[in-house]
Amino acid sequence: MEDHPRKGSGVEFALTVWSRRKWLAILIFGGALTAAVSIATFLPNVYRSTATVLIQRQEVSETFVKPSVTGEPETRLHTITQEVLRRSRLEELIHRFGLYPELRKGLPPEVVVERMRRDIQVEFKAAEPTGSRGATIAFSLSYRGTDPQTVARVANTLASSYVDENLKIRERQASGTTQILRGQAEETKRKLDEQERRVREFKARHIGELPQQQAANLATLERLNAQLRLNSDNQLRAMERRERLLKHLADLDPAGSAGGPDATATRIGRLKQELTELRTRFSDKYPDVVRVKAEIAALERQLAEAKPDATPGTTPAPPDDQPLHRLREALKTVEAEMAALRSEERNLRQAIATYQQRVENSPKWEQEFQQVLQDSETMKDLYSALLKRYEDAQLAESVEQHQKGEQFRILDPAIPAREPSAPNRLRLILTGILLSLGLAAGSVALAERLDASFHTVGELRAFSTLPVLVSIPRISTAADLRQRRRRFCLGVAAALGGLLLIVGASYYLADGNDQLVWTLTRTRA
């Protein structure tokens, strides 16, 4: 009877397990490693090309030309990114460069477009921050794919799209600003013309009664009053001359050659009628009333003086005609002068009344005129401000059209990559080796745990309290050896077939599957 130790050291136990499970461990390790190496080998090379775009500031100083396009470059970049990555534009690029042929065969266009969006990457580059964050001065635009030449062309096309779209956006914003300001200026000009028309109509309707004309009206009123006083003095002097002439005429022609008492009485009646008419319109202190009353009194005195001199039944001697003729001519001249003075007085009084009315109405229209004038001045200031802004917008638009404003410039165009950016085959193989070792060790441990047989006498003695009487070693015959060799050959053939199957499956899974490349890359990251 052969007695075995219950349990050796850990190394001896591992060697014992290895002797029993070595073929299982080799098969699991070989299969997993074959799969890992096959996948790493058959994965397609994925290339990435990057173009750098510089954000070039406005060439003309903002002191002279204020840009009409405002906002941070980052905000505009996000807007341009949405414009460049829209579905229709990406579909056009996919068809132009023949991208994703395998995906287009079995997937809808939306999935292919979304895949291209994931393959495009935009990264902002900021200057050294002086405050909370630095300003963006450039950005890089990269694209990944399996053909390095196509990848570089797509990256440069996308960069050119950013440059062109930025120019379109800036020109569109500048042109839109100009159009809006032009429309506002035209509308304000129409309102200004309407306000100026109202001012002109107000001035025409209240001409002479405007507040700024009050000083001139007062000066004119004072001048007219002075002329009226002078006219009154001239009329008094004319009346005195007329009275003297009438007296001289009466002395030379007592018989009334100039009209006699009857003519004087007739004139007194006419003046009294005129006085009655004046009193219906004016008071007794009115200058015309005073003048007519004075003239009536003078004629009555003259008539009273002439009556005693006239002796009934006597005929005066005819006077000399020459002095009488001169007196009558002088009397006519005086009366004509008095008529002209009275006409001038009426005109003066009408003018004084007109200007007096203007002076009285001036305060009444002042508030309304100031309101109309203020509205016109406000509209004029607004129009001037809009006109200035419109001119600035036109200048800014001209700057944008001549590409002198802020623009994007391709600093470094994308070139075809010489080395693939993914996959990292060495890292994948090393990772596969580690996973294969772990899988093999786990399989052996699981097999040992599930195996309920006894392999040594010690295991049996540990399991049962019955004594072990004898241990019989394995007896192999020639037939057993031949059978074992056949089983070994069949196992080797099956293992090789399994490995070939694993290689074929790996090829089917990994060949041209760039999505698996980026999945493995993200998993490592």
Protein backbone atom coordinates (compact mmCIF):
# COMPACT_ATOMS: atom_id res chain seq x y z
CA MET A 1 0.00 0.00 0.00
CA GLU A 2 1.23 3.45 -0.99
CA ASP A 3 0.54 6.31 1.27
CA HIS A 4 0.45 9.93 -0.08
CA PRO A 5 0.65 13.11 1.91
CA ARG A 6 -2.65 14.83 2.56
CA LYS A 7 -1.52 18.12 1.23
CA GLY A 8 1.74 19.65 0.03
CA SER A 9 2.77 23.26 -0.18
CA GLY A 10 0.99 25.82 -2.35
CA VAL A 11 3.44 25.35 -5.23
CA GLU A 12 3.01 21.58 -5.09
CA PHE A 13 -0.80 22.05 -5.10
CA ALA A 14 -0.59 24.39 -8.07
CA LEU A 15 1.62 21.93 -9.93
CA THR A 16 -0.81 19.16 -9.14
CA VAL A 17 -3.73 21.21 -10.45
CA TRP A 18 -1.71 22.18 -13.53
CA SER A 19 -0.96 18.52 -14.23
CA ARG A 20 -4.68 17.77 -14.18
CA ARG A 21 -6.03 20.95 -15.91
CA LYS A 22 -3.18 22.03 -18.15
CA TRP A 23 -4.99 21.23 -21.38
CA LEU A 24 -8.09 23.14 -20.27
CA ALA A 25 -5.97 26.15 -19.30
CA ILE A 26 -4.04 25.97 -22.58
CA LEU A 27 -7.23 25.76 -24.64
CA ILE A 28 -8.93 28.67 -22.82
CA PHE A 29 -5.78 30.81 -22.91
CA GLY A 30 -5.06 30.01 -26.55
CA GLY A 31 -8.63 30.66 -27.63
CA ALA A 32 -8.91 33.98 -25.79
CA LEU A 33 -5.47 35.11 -26.92
CA THR A 34 -6.22 34.10 -30.49
CA ALA A 35 -9.43 36.13 -30.40
CA ALA A 36 -7.63 39.17 -28.93
CA VAL A 37 -4.72 38.99 -31.39
CA SER A 38 -7.06 38.40 -34.33
CA ILE A 39 -9.27 41.34 -33.41
CA ALA A 40 -6.23 43.60 -32.89
CA THR A 41 -4.87 42.46 -36.25
CA PHE A 42 -8.06 42.73 -38.27
CA LEU A 43 -9.23 46.07 -36.86
CA PRO A 44 -8.99 48.80 -39.50
CA ASN A 45 -6.57 51.68 -39.16
CA VAL A 46 -8.34 54.89 -38.23
CA TYR A 47 -6.67 58.20 -39.08
CA ARG A 48 -7.31 61.68 -37.76
CA SER A 49 -6.41 64.91 -39.54
CA THR A 50 -6.63 68.33 -37.86
CA ALA A 51 -6.88 71.81 -39.35
CA THR A 52 -6.15 74.89 -37.22
CA VAL A 53 -8.23 78.02 -37.85
CA LEU A 54 -7.09 81.40 -36.54
CA ILE A 55 -9.60 84.04 -35.40
CA GLN A 56 -8.13 87.17 -36.96
CA ARG A 57 -9.26 90.41 -35.39
CA GLN A 58 -10.52 93.42 -37.36
CA GLU A 59 -7.76 95.04 -39.37
CA VAL A 60 -9.26 98.55 -39.19
CA SER A 61 -9.10 100.11 -35.74
CA GLU A 62 -12.42 100.15 -33.90
CA THR A 63 -11.68 103.78 -33.04
CA PHE A 64 -12.41 104.68 -36.67
CA VAL A 65 -14.86 101.95 -37.64
CA LYS A 66 -17.08 100.46 -34.99
CA PRO A 67 -18.09 96.93 -36.00
CA SER A 68 -21.80 96.28 -36.39
CA VAL A 69 -21.30 92.56 -35.62
CA THR A 70 -20.94 92.14 -31.89
CA GLY A 71 -20.79 89.15 -29.56
CA GLU A 72 -18.12 86.79 -28.32
CA PRO A 73 -16.36 84.58 -30.90
CA GLU A 74 -17.30 81.50 -28.85
CA THR A 75 -21.00 82.25 -29.28
CA ARG A 76 -20.58 82.75 -33.01
CA LEU A 77 -18.50 79.55 -33.21
CA HIS A 78 -21.29 77.55 -31.60
CA THR A 79 -23.75 79.05 -34.07
CA ILE A 80 -21.48 78.25 -37.02
CA THR A 81 -20.96 74.71 -35.70
CA GLN A 82 -24.70 74.10 -35.72
CA GLU A 83 -24.86 75.50 -39.24
CA VAL A 84 -21.93 73.44 -40.56
CA LEU A 85 -23.06 70.20 -38.89
CA ARG A 86 -26.65 70.39 -40.06
CA ARG A 87 -28.04 67.30 -41.69
CA SER A 88 -28.25 68.49 -45.31
CA ARG A 89 -24.64 69.71 -45.38
CA LEU A 90 -23.23 66.53 -43.82
CA GLU A 91 -25.24 64.38 -46.23
CA GLU A 92 -23.74 66.35 -49.10
CA LEU A 93 -20.22 65.70 -47.74
CA ILE A 94 -20.98 62.00 -47.23
CA HIS A 95 -22.06 61.60 -50.85
CA ARG A 96 -19.29 63.78 -52.25
CA PHE A 97 -16.45 61.89 -50.56
CA GLY A 98 -18.13 58.47 -50.45
CA LEU A 99 -17.99 58.21 -46.67
CA TYR A 100 -19.34 55.27 -44.64
CA PRO A 101 -20.24 53.01 -47.58
CA GLU A 102 -20.96 50.00 -45.35
CA LEU A 103 -23.17 51.98 -42.97
CA ARG A 104 -25.16 53.51 -45.80
CA LYS A 105 -26.10 50.06 -47.06
CA GLY A 106 -27.97 48.95 -43.97
CA LEU A 107 -28.67 52.02 -41.81
CA PRO A 108 -30.96 55.04 -42.30
CA PRO A 109 -29.37 58.39 -43.27
CA GLU A 110 -30.02 59.89 -39.82
CA VAL A 111 -27.78 57.27 -38.18
CA VAL A 112 -24.99 57.84 -40.72
CA VAL A 113 -25.17 61.64 -40.22
CA GLU A 114 -25.05 61.23 -36.45
CA ARG A 115 -22.02 58.96 -36.86
CA MET A 116 -20.23 61.65 -38.87
CA ARG A 117 -21.06 64.25 -36.19
CA ARG A 118 -19.30 62.03 -33.64
CA ASP A 119 -16.28 61.74 -35.92
CA ILE A 120 -15.93 65.55 -36.08
CA GLN A 121 -14.28 67.27 -33.14
CA VAL A 122 -13.91 71.04 -32.50
CA GLU A 123 -11.51 72.27 -29.83
CA PHE A 124 -11.14 75.92 -28.80
CA LYS A 125 -7.73 77.42 -28.10
CA ALA A 126 -7.63 80.38 -25.73
CA ALA A 127 -4.91 82.93 -25.03
CA GLU A 128 -3.22 83.12 -21.66
CA PRO A 129 -6.01 84.07 -19.27
CA THR A 130 -5.70 87.49 -17.65
CA GLY A 131 -8.99 87.31 -15.80
CA SER A 132 -11.53 84.60 -15.27
CA ARG A 133 -10.81 83.01 -18.66
CA GLY A 134 -8.82 83.72 -21.77
CA ALA A 135 -10.31 84.87 -25.05
CA THR A 136 -10.52 82.35 -27.88
CA ILE A 137 -7.90 83.13 -30.52
CA ALA A 138 -8.06 79.93 -32.59
CA PHE A 139 -9.74 76.56 -32.79
CA SER A 140 -8.84 73.18 -34.22
CA LEU A 141 -11.16 71.11 -36.37
CA SER A 142 -10.43 67.39 -36.74
CA TYR A 143 -12.06 64.46 -38.52
CA ARG A 144 -11.39 60.74 -38.24
CA GLY A 145 -11.79 58.01 -40.83
CA THR A 146 -10.14 55.00 -42.43
CA ASP A 147 -8.63 56.70 -45.53
CA PRO A 148 -5.98 59.31 -44.63
CA GLN A 149 -6.34 61.20 -47.92
CA THR A 150 -10.12 61.42 -47.64
CA VAL A 151 -9.88 62.34 -43.96
CA ALA A 152 -7.58 65.28 -44.74
CA ARG A 153 -9.86 66.52 -47.55
CA VAL A 154 -12.94 66.31 -45.34
CA ALA A 155 -11.16 68.19 -42.51
CA ASN A 156 -10.06 70.96 -44.89
CA THR A 157 -13.56 71.15 -46.40
CA LEU A 158 -15.07 71.54 -42.93
CA ALA A 159 -12.51 74.23 -42.05
CA SER A 160 -13.32 76.10 -45.26
CA SER A 161 -17.02 75.82 -44.39
CA TYR A 162 -16.32 77.51 -41.04
CA VAL A 163 -14.44 80.34 -42.80
CA ASP A 164 -17.15 80.82 -45.44
CA GLU A 165 -19.99 80.58 -42.94
CA ASN A 166 -18.36 83.16 -40.69
CA LEU A 167 -18.09 85.58 -43.63
CA LYS A 168 -21.73 84.96 -44.56
CA ILE A 169 -22.93 85.46 -41.00
CA ARG A 170 -20.96 88.68 -40.53
CA GLU A 171 -22.03 90.08 -43.91
CA ARG A 172 -25.63 89.06 -43.23
CA GLN A 173 -25.60 90.69 -39.79
CA ALA A 174 -23.92 93.85 -41.11
CA SER A 175 -26.35 94.05 -44.05
CA GLY A 176 -29.30 93.38 -41.76
CA THR A 177 -28.16 96.10 -39.38
CA THR A 178 -27.81 98.53 -42.28
CA GLN A 179 -31.26 97.69 -43.64
CA ILE A 180 -32.90 98.05 -40.22
CA LEU A 181 -31.23 101.41 -39.61
CA ARG A 182 -32.12 102.58 -43.11
CA GLY A 183 -35.75 101.66 -42.55
CA GLN A 184 -35.75 103.40 -39.16
CA ALA A 185 -34.09 106.48 -40.64
CA GLU A 186 -36.64 106.65 -43.49
CA GLU A 187 -39.53 106.24 -41.08
CA THR A 188 -38.07 108.88 -38.75
CA LYS A 189 -37.53 111.21 -41.74
CA ARG A 190 -41.20 110.88 -42.66
CA LYS A 191 -42.19 111.68 -39.09
CA LEU A 192 -39.75 114.61 -39.06
CA ASP A 193 -41.24 115.97 -42.29
CA GLU A 194 -44.69 115.65 -40.75
CA GLN A 195 -43.55 117.53 -37.63
CA GLU A 196 -41.92 120.26 -39.71
CA ARG A 197 -45.12 120.53 -41.77
CA ARG A 198 -47.09 120.98 -38.55
CA VAL A 199 -44.65 123.67 -37.45
CA ARG A 200 -45.00 125.47 -40.79
CA GLU A 201 -48.77 125.23 -40.69
CA PHE A 202 -48.83 126.50 -37.11
CA LYS A 203 -46.63 129.45 -38.06
CA ALA A 204 -48.75 130.22 -41.11
CA ARG A 205 -51.97 129.92 -39.11
CA HIS A 206 -50.70 132.13 -36.28
CA ILE A 207 -48.37 134.40 -38.20
CA GLY A 208 -47.49 137.47 -36.19
CA GLU A 209 -48.76 135.84 -32.96
CA LEU A 210 -45.81 133.55 -32.32
CA PRO A 211 -43.88 133.90 -29.06
CA GLN A 212 -40.63 134.79 -30.80
CA GLN A 213 -42.47 137.62 -32.63
CA GLN A 214 -43.79 139.24 -29.46
CA ALA A 215 -40.84 141.59 -29.08
CA ALA A 216 -41.21 142.74 -32.68
CA ASN A 217 -44.96 143.16 -32.16
CA LEU A 218 -44.39 145.29 -29.06
CA ALA A 219 -41.85 147.41 -30.89
CA THR A 220 -44.22 147.83 -33.83
CA LEU A 221 -47.08 148.64 -31.47
CA GLU A 222 -45.01 151.33 -29.78
CA ARG A 223 -44.05 152.77 -33.16
CA LEU A 224 -47.68 152.83 -34.29
CA ASN A 225 -48.77 154.56 -31.08
CA ALA A 226 -46.07 157.14 -31.64
CA GLN A 227 -47.31 157.64 -35.20
CA LEU A 228 -50.88 157.91 -33.90
CA ARG A 229 -49.86 160.62 -31.41
CA LEU A 230 -48.06 162.47 -34.17
CA ASN A 231 -51.13 162.10 -36.38
CA SER A 232 -53.34 163.55 -33.64
CA ASP A 233 -50.98 166.49 -33.23
CA ASN A 234 -50.99 167.06 -36.98
CA GLN A 235 -54.77 166.94 -37.06
CA LEU A 236 -55.00 169.51 -34.25
CA ARG A 237 -52.62 171.79 -36.07
CA ALA A 238 -54.56 171.32 -39.31
CA MET A 239 -57.80 172.13 -37.53
CA GLU A 240 -56.25 175.28 -36.11
CA ARG A 241 -55.06 176.33 -39.56
CA ARG A 242 -58.50 175.61 -40.97
CA GLU A 243 -60.16 177.70 -38.27
CA ARG A 244 -57.82 180.57 -39.00
CA LEU A 245 -58.46 180.25 -42.71
CA LEU A 246 -62.20 180.17 -42.18
CA LYS A 247 -61.97 183.23 -39.95
CA HIS A 248 -59.91 185.11 -42.55
CA LEU A 249 -62.28 183.98 -45.24
CA ALA A 250 -65.25 185.20 -43.19
CA ASP A 251 -63.57 188.55 -42.66
CA LEU A 252 -62.96 188.98 -46.37
CA ASP A 253 -66.34 187.60 -47.44
CA PRO A 254 -68.92 188.39 -44.78
CA ALA A 255 -71.67 187.50 -47.19
CA GLY A 256 -70.51 183.88 -47.04
CA SER A 257 -68.65 183.49 -50.21
CA ALA A 258 -67.07 180.44 -48.68
CA GLY A 259 -70.43 179.04 -48.03
CA GLY A 260 -71.83 181.51 -45.48
CA PRO A 261 -73.73 180.63 -42.38
CA ASP A 262 -75.84 178.12 -44.25
CA ALA A 263 -72.77 176.16 -45.37
CA THR A 264 -71.40 176.30 -41.83
CA ALA A 265 -74.66 175.05 -40.40
CA THR A 266 -74.77 172.29 -42.97
CA ARG A 267 -71.24 171.22 -42.03
CA ILE A 268 -72.13 171.33 -38.30
CA GLY A 269 -75.12 169.04 -39.00
CA ARG A 270 -72.92 166.63 -40.93
CA LEU A 271 -70.32 166.58 -38.13
CA LYS A 272 -73.02 166.00 -35.51
CA GLN A 273 -74.26 163.03 -37.50
CA GLU A 274 -70.71 161.71 -37.67
CA LEU A 275 -70.36 162.27 -33.92
CA THR A 276 -73.52 160.26 -33.28
CA GLU A 277 -72.15 157.37 -35.30
CA LEU A 278 -68.79 157.51 -33.47
CA ARG A 279 -70.49 157.50 -30.05
CA THR A 280 -72.33 154.31 -30.95
CA ARG A 281 -68.95 152.58 -31.34
CA PHE A 282 -66.55 154.52 -29.10
CA SER A 283 -66.55 156.34 -25.79
CA ASP A 284 -66.35 160.15 -25.40
CA LYS A 285 -62.61 159.89 -24.76
CA TYR A 286 -61.94 158.27 -28.07
CA PRO A 287 -59.66 160.60 -30.16
CA ASP A 288 -62.04 160.74 -33.14
CA VAL A 289 -64.94 161.66 -30.85
CA VAL A 290 -62.86 164.40 -29.19
CA ARG A 291 -61.73 165.73 -32.56
CA VAL A 292 -65.26 165.89 -34.05
CA LYS A 293 -66.60 167.53 -30.91
CA ALA A 294 -63.82 170.12 -31.05
CA GLU A 295 -64.54 170.80 -34.72
CA ILE A 296 -68.27 171.21 -34.03
CA ALA A 297 -67.53 173.63 -31.19
CA ALA A 298 -65.19 175.64 -33.45
CA LEU A 299 -67.79 175.87 -36.23
CA GLU A 300 -70.49 176.87 -33.77
CA ARG A 301 -68.27 179.67 -32.43
CA GLN A 302 -67.56 180.77 -35.98
CA LEU A 303 -71.25 180.74 -36.81
CA ALA A 304 -72.04 182.76 -33.66
CA GLU A 305 -69.41 185.35 -34.53
CA ALA A 306 -70.63 185.65 -38.11
CA LYS A 307 -74.30 186.32 -37.22
CA PRO A 308 -73.86 189.73 -35.44
CA ASP A 309 -71.81 191.02 -38.30
CA ALA A 310 -74.56 190.32 -40.78
CA THR A 311 -76.89 193.43 -40.76
CA PRO A 312 -80.27 192.77 -42.29
CA GLY A 313 -81.04 194.66 -45.42
CA THR A 314 -77.44 195.60 -46.08
CA THR A 315 -75.30 194.08 -48.76
CA PRO A 316 -71.55 194.09 -48.14
CA ALA A 317 -69.20 195.33 -50.71
CA PRO A 318 -67.77 192.67 -52.90
CA PRO A 319 -64.30 191.76 -51.71
CA ASP A 320 -61.24 191.43 -53.79
CA ASP A 321 -61.34 188.05 -55.59
CA GLN A 322 -57.60 187.37 -55.50
CA PRO A 323 -57.21 187.03 -51.68
CA LEU A 324 -60.42 185.08 -51.47
CA HIS A 325 -59.20 182.68 -54.12
CA ARG A 326 -55.95 182.07 -52.28
CA LEU A 327 -57.78 181.53 -48.98
CA ARG A 328 -60.16 179.08 -50.58
CA GLU A 329 -57.30 177.15 -52.19
CA ALA A 330 -55.47 177.05 -48.85
CA LEU A 331 -58.70 175.91 -47.18
CA LYS A 332 -59.09 173.10 -49.69
CA THR A 333 -55.48 172.05 -49.11
CA VAL A 334 -56.01 172.00 -45.34
CA GLU A 335 -59.22 170.03 -45.69
CA ALA A 336 -57.50 167.54 -48.02
CA GLU A 337 -54.68 167.25 -45.50
CA MET A 338 -57.18 166.70 -42.71
CA ALA A 339 -58.93 164.01 -44.74
CA ALA A 340 -55.59 162.30 -45.38
CA LEU A 341 -54.73 162.51 -41.67
CA ARG A 342 -58.08 161.04 -40.72
CA SER A 343 -57.57 158.19 -43.19
CA GLU A 344 -54.07 157.65 -41.81
CA GLU A 345 -55.53 157.66 -38.29
CA ARG A 346 -58.03 154.98 -39.19
CA ASN A 347 -55.28 152.84 -40.72
CA LEU A 348 -53.07 153.38 -37.69
CA ARG A 349 -55.86 152.43 -35.31
CA GLN A 350 -56.64 149.30 -37.30
CA ALA A 351 -52.95 148.37 -37.29
CA ILE A 352 -52.71 149.06 -33.55
CA ALA A 353 -55.75 146.88 -32.91
CA THR A 354 -54.23 144.10 -35.02
CA TYR A 355 -50.89 144.20 -33.25
CA GLN A 356 -52.59 144.55 -29.88
CA GLN A 357 -54.55 141.39 -30.65
CA ARG A 358 -51.32 139.62 -31.65
CA VAL A 359 -49.63 140.63 -28.39
CA GLU A 360 -52.62 139.39 -26.41
CA ASN A 361 -52.79 136.08 -28.31
CA SER A 362 -49.04 135.38 -28.11
CA PRO A 363 -49.10 133.86 -24.57
CA LYS A 364 -52.11 131.77 -25.52
CA TRP A 365 -50.29 130.08 -28.43
CA GLU A 366 -46.92 129.89 -26.70
CA GLN A 367 -47.50 126.55 -24.90
CA GLU A 368 -48.95 124.87 -27.97
CA PHE A 369 -46.17 126.19 -30.17
CA GLN A 370 -43.50 125.06 -27.70
CA GLN A 371 -45.01 121.56 -27.69
CA VAL A 372 -45.07 121.39 -31.48
CA LEU A 373 -41.54 122.81 -31.67
CA GLN A 374 -40.27 120.42 -28.98
CA ASP A 375 -41.69 117.41 -30.83
CA SER A 376 -40.00 118.62 -34.00
CA GLU A 377 -36.65 119.12 -32.26
CA THR A 378 -36.88 115.70 -30.58
CA MET A 379 -37.61 114.06 -33.92
CA LYS A 380 -34.77 115.99 -35.53
CA ASP A 381 -32.30 114.81 -32.85
CA LEU A 382 -33.52 111.23 -33.25
CA TYR A 383 -33.15 111.44 -37.01
CA SER A 384 -29.63 112.84 -36.70
CA ALA A 385 -28.66 110.02 -34.31
CA LEU A 386 -30.16 107.37 -36.60
CA LEU A 387 -28.48 108.91 -39.63
CA LYS A 388 -25.12 108.80 -37.84
CA ARG A 389 -25.65 105.18 -36.84
CA TYR A 390 -26.77 104.34 -40.38
CA GLU A 391 -23.58 105.87 -41.79
CA ASP A 392 -21.52 103.89 -39.27
CA ALA A 393 -23.38 100.71 -40.24
CA GLN A 394 -22.71 101.39 -43.93
CA LEU A 395 -19.02 101.82 -43.20
CA ALA A 396 -18.97 98.63 -41.12
CA GLU A 397 -20.76 96.78 -43.92
CA SER A 398 -18.17 98.02 -46.41
CA VAL A 399 -15.43 96.75 -44.10
CA GLU A 400 -17.10 93.33 -43.93
CA GLN A 401 -17.58 93.20 -47.70
CA HIS A 402 -13.90 93.93 -48.23
CA GLN A 403 -13.06 91.28 -45.60
CA LYS A 404 -11.31 93.75 -43.34
CA GLY A 405 -13.35 92.84 -40.27
CA GLU A 406 -12.91 89.94 -37.88
CA GLN A 407 -12.54 86.77 -39.91
CA PHE A 408 -11.43 83.14 -39.72
CA ARG A 409 -8.22 82.15 -41.49
CA ILE A 410 -6.93 78.61 -41.93
CA LEU A 411 -3.58 78.71 -40.17
CA ASP A 412 -2.55 75.06 -40.62
CA PRO A 413 -4.51 73.02 -43.17
CA ALA A 414 -5.06 69.35 -42.50
CA ILE A 415 -2.58 66.92 -44.07
CA PRO A 416 -2.92 63.13 -44.51
CA ALA A 417 -1.77 61.34 -41.35
CA ARG A 418 1.19 58.97 -41.74
CA GLU A 419 0.39 56.90 -38.68
CA PRO A 420 -3.06 55.80 -37.56
CA SER A 421 -4.41 57.35 -34.41
CA ALA A 422 -6.14 54.09 -33.51
CA PRO A 423 -6.10 51.23 -32.71
CA ASN A 424 -3.07 50.75 -30.45
CA ARG A 425 -2.48 47.09 -31.35
CA LEU A 426 0.33 46.48 -28.88
CA ARG A 427 -1.81 47.68 -26.02
CA LEU A 428 -4.74 45.59 -27.26
CA ILE A 429 -2.55 42.47 -27.44
CA LEU A 430 -1.11 43.03 -23.98
CA THR A 431 -4.61 43.57 -22.66
CA GLY A 432 -5.68 40.36 -24.45
CA ILE A 433 -2.84 38.40 -22.82
CA LEU A 434 -3.85 39.58 -19.39
CA LEU A 435 -7.51 38.80 -20.04
CA SER A 436 -6.57 35.35 -21.44
CA LEU A 437 -4.50 34.52 -18.37
CA GLY A 438 -7.31 35.62 -16.09
CA LEU A 439 -9.88 33.66 -18.11
CA ALA A 440 -7.71 30.51 -18.08
CA ALA A 441 -7.09 30.76 -14.34
CA GLY A 442 -10.78 31.34 -13.69
CA SER A 443 -11.73 28.33 -15.85
CA VAL A 444 -9.30 26.05 -13.99
CA ALA A 445 -10.57 27.26 -10.62
CA LEU A 446 -14.17 26.72 -11.70
CA ALA A 447 -13.38 23.22 -13.01
CA GLU A 448 -11.65 22.30 -9.74
CA ARG A 449 -14.59 23.54 -7.77
CA LEU A 450 -17.11 21.61 -9.81
CA ASP A 451 -15.01 18.38 -9.85
CA ALA A 452 -16.31 16.02 -7.07
CA SER A 453 -13.81 13.16 -7.70
CA PHE A 454 -10.88 12.21 -5.45
CA HIS A 455 -7.46 12.52 -6.95
CA THR A 456 -5.27 11.51 -3.96
CA VAL A 457 -5.48 9.20 -0.95
CA GLY A 458 -5.24 12.19 1.31
CA GLU A 459 -8.39 13.73 -0.25
CA LEU A 460 -10.24 10.44 0.31
CA ARG A 461 -9.05 10.12 3.93
CA ALA A 462 -10.05 13.73 4.54
CA PHE A 463 -13.51 13.03 3.17
CA SER A 464 -14.21 9.67 4.88
CA THR A 465 -13.44 8.15 8.31
CA LEU A 466 -13.14 4.67 6.82
CA PRO A 467 -9.57 3.39 6.54
CA VAL A 468 -7.95 3.10 3.08
CA LEU A 469 -6.70 -0.48 2.72
CA VAL A 470 -4.91 -0.32 -0.62
CA SER A 471 -4.11 2.13 -3.49
CA ILE A 472 -3.94 0.67 -7.04
CA PRO A 473 -2.14 2.85 -9.67
CA ARG A 474 -3.50 3.25 -13.21
CA ILE A 475 -2.56 0.28 -15.45
CA SER A 476 -2.31 1.29 -19.14
CA THR A 477 -2.32 -1.36 -21.90
CA ALA A 478 -1.21 -0.92 -25.52
CA ALA A 479 -4.82 -0.47 -26.56
CA ASP A 480 -5.26 2.24 -23.95
CA LEU A 481 -2.21 4.02 -25.29
CA ARG A 482 -3.50 3.86 -28.86
CA GLN A 483 -6.89 5.15 -27.76
CA ARG A 484 -5.29 7.99 -25.82
CA ARG A 485 -3.24 8.96 -28.89
CA ARG A 486 -6.37 9.01 -31.04
CA ARG A 487 -8.16 11.15 -28.48
CA PHE A 488 -5.16 13.47 -28.35
CA CYS A 489 -5.12 13.87 -32.12
CA LEU A 490 -8.86 14.47 -32.22
CA GLY A 491 -8.50 17.04 -29.43
CA VAL A 492 -5.70 18.82 -31.25
CA ALA A 493 -7.74 18.87 -34.47
CA ALA A 494 -10.79 20.18 -32.61
CA ALA A 495 -8.68 22.83 -30.92
CA LEU A 496 -7.21 23.93 -34.24
CA GLY A 497 -10.66 24.01 -35.76
CA GLY A 498 -11.91 26.08 -32.85
CA LEU A 499 -9.00 28.47 -33.23
CA LEU A 500 -9.73 28.83 -36.94
CA LEU A 501 -13.35 29.48 -36.11
CA ILE A 502 -12.31 32.12 -33.60
CA VAL A 503 -10.05 33.73 -36.20
CA GLY A 504 -12.89 33.79 -38.75
CA ALA A 505 -15.35 35.25 -36.26
CA SER A 506 -12.79 37.88 -35.24
CA TYR A 507 -12.26 38.79 -38.89
CA TYR A 508 -16.00 39.12 -39.44
CA LEU A 509 -16.34 41.25 -36.32
CA ALA A 510 -13.28 43.49 -36.67
CA ASP A 511 -12.66 43.93 -40.39
CA GLY A 512 -13.67 47.47 -41.38
CA ASN A 513 -15.40 48.04 -38.03
CA ASP A 514 -13.99 51.44 -37.14
CA GLN A 515 -16.81 51.90 -34.65
CA LEU A 516 -15.30 49.01 -32.64
CA VAL A 517 -11.97 50.82 -32.78
CA TRP A 518 -13.40 53.91 -31.10
CA THR A 519 -15.38 51.79 -28.65
CA LEU A 520 -12.18 50.07 -27.53
CA THR A 521 -10.36 53.41 -27.45
CA ARG A 522 -13.02 54.99 -25.22
CA THR A 523 -13.02 51.90 -22.99
CA ARG A 524 -9.27 52.22 -22.43
CA ALA A 525 -9.62 55.94 -21.77
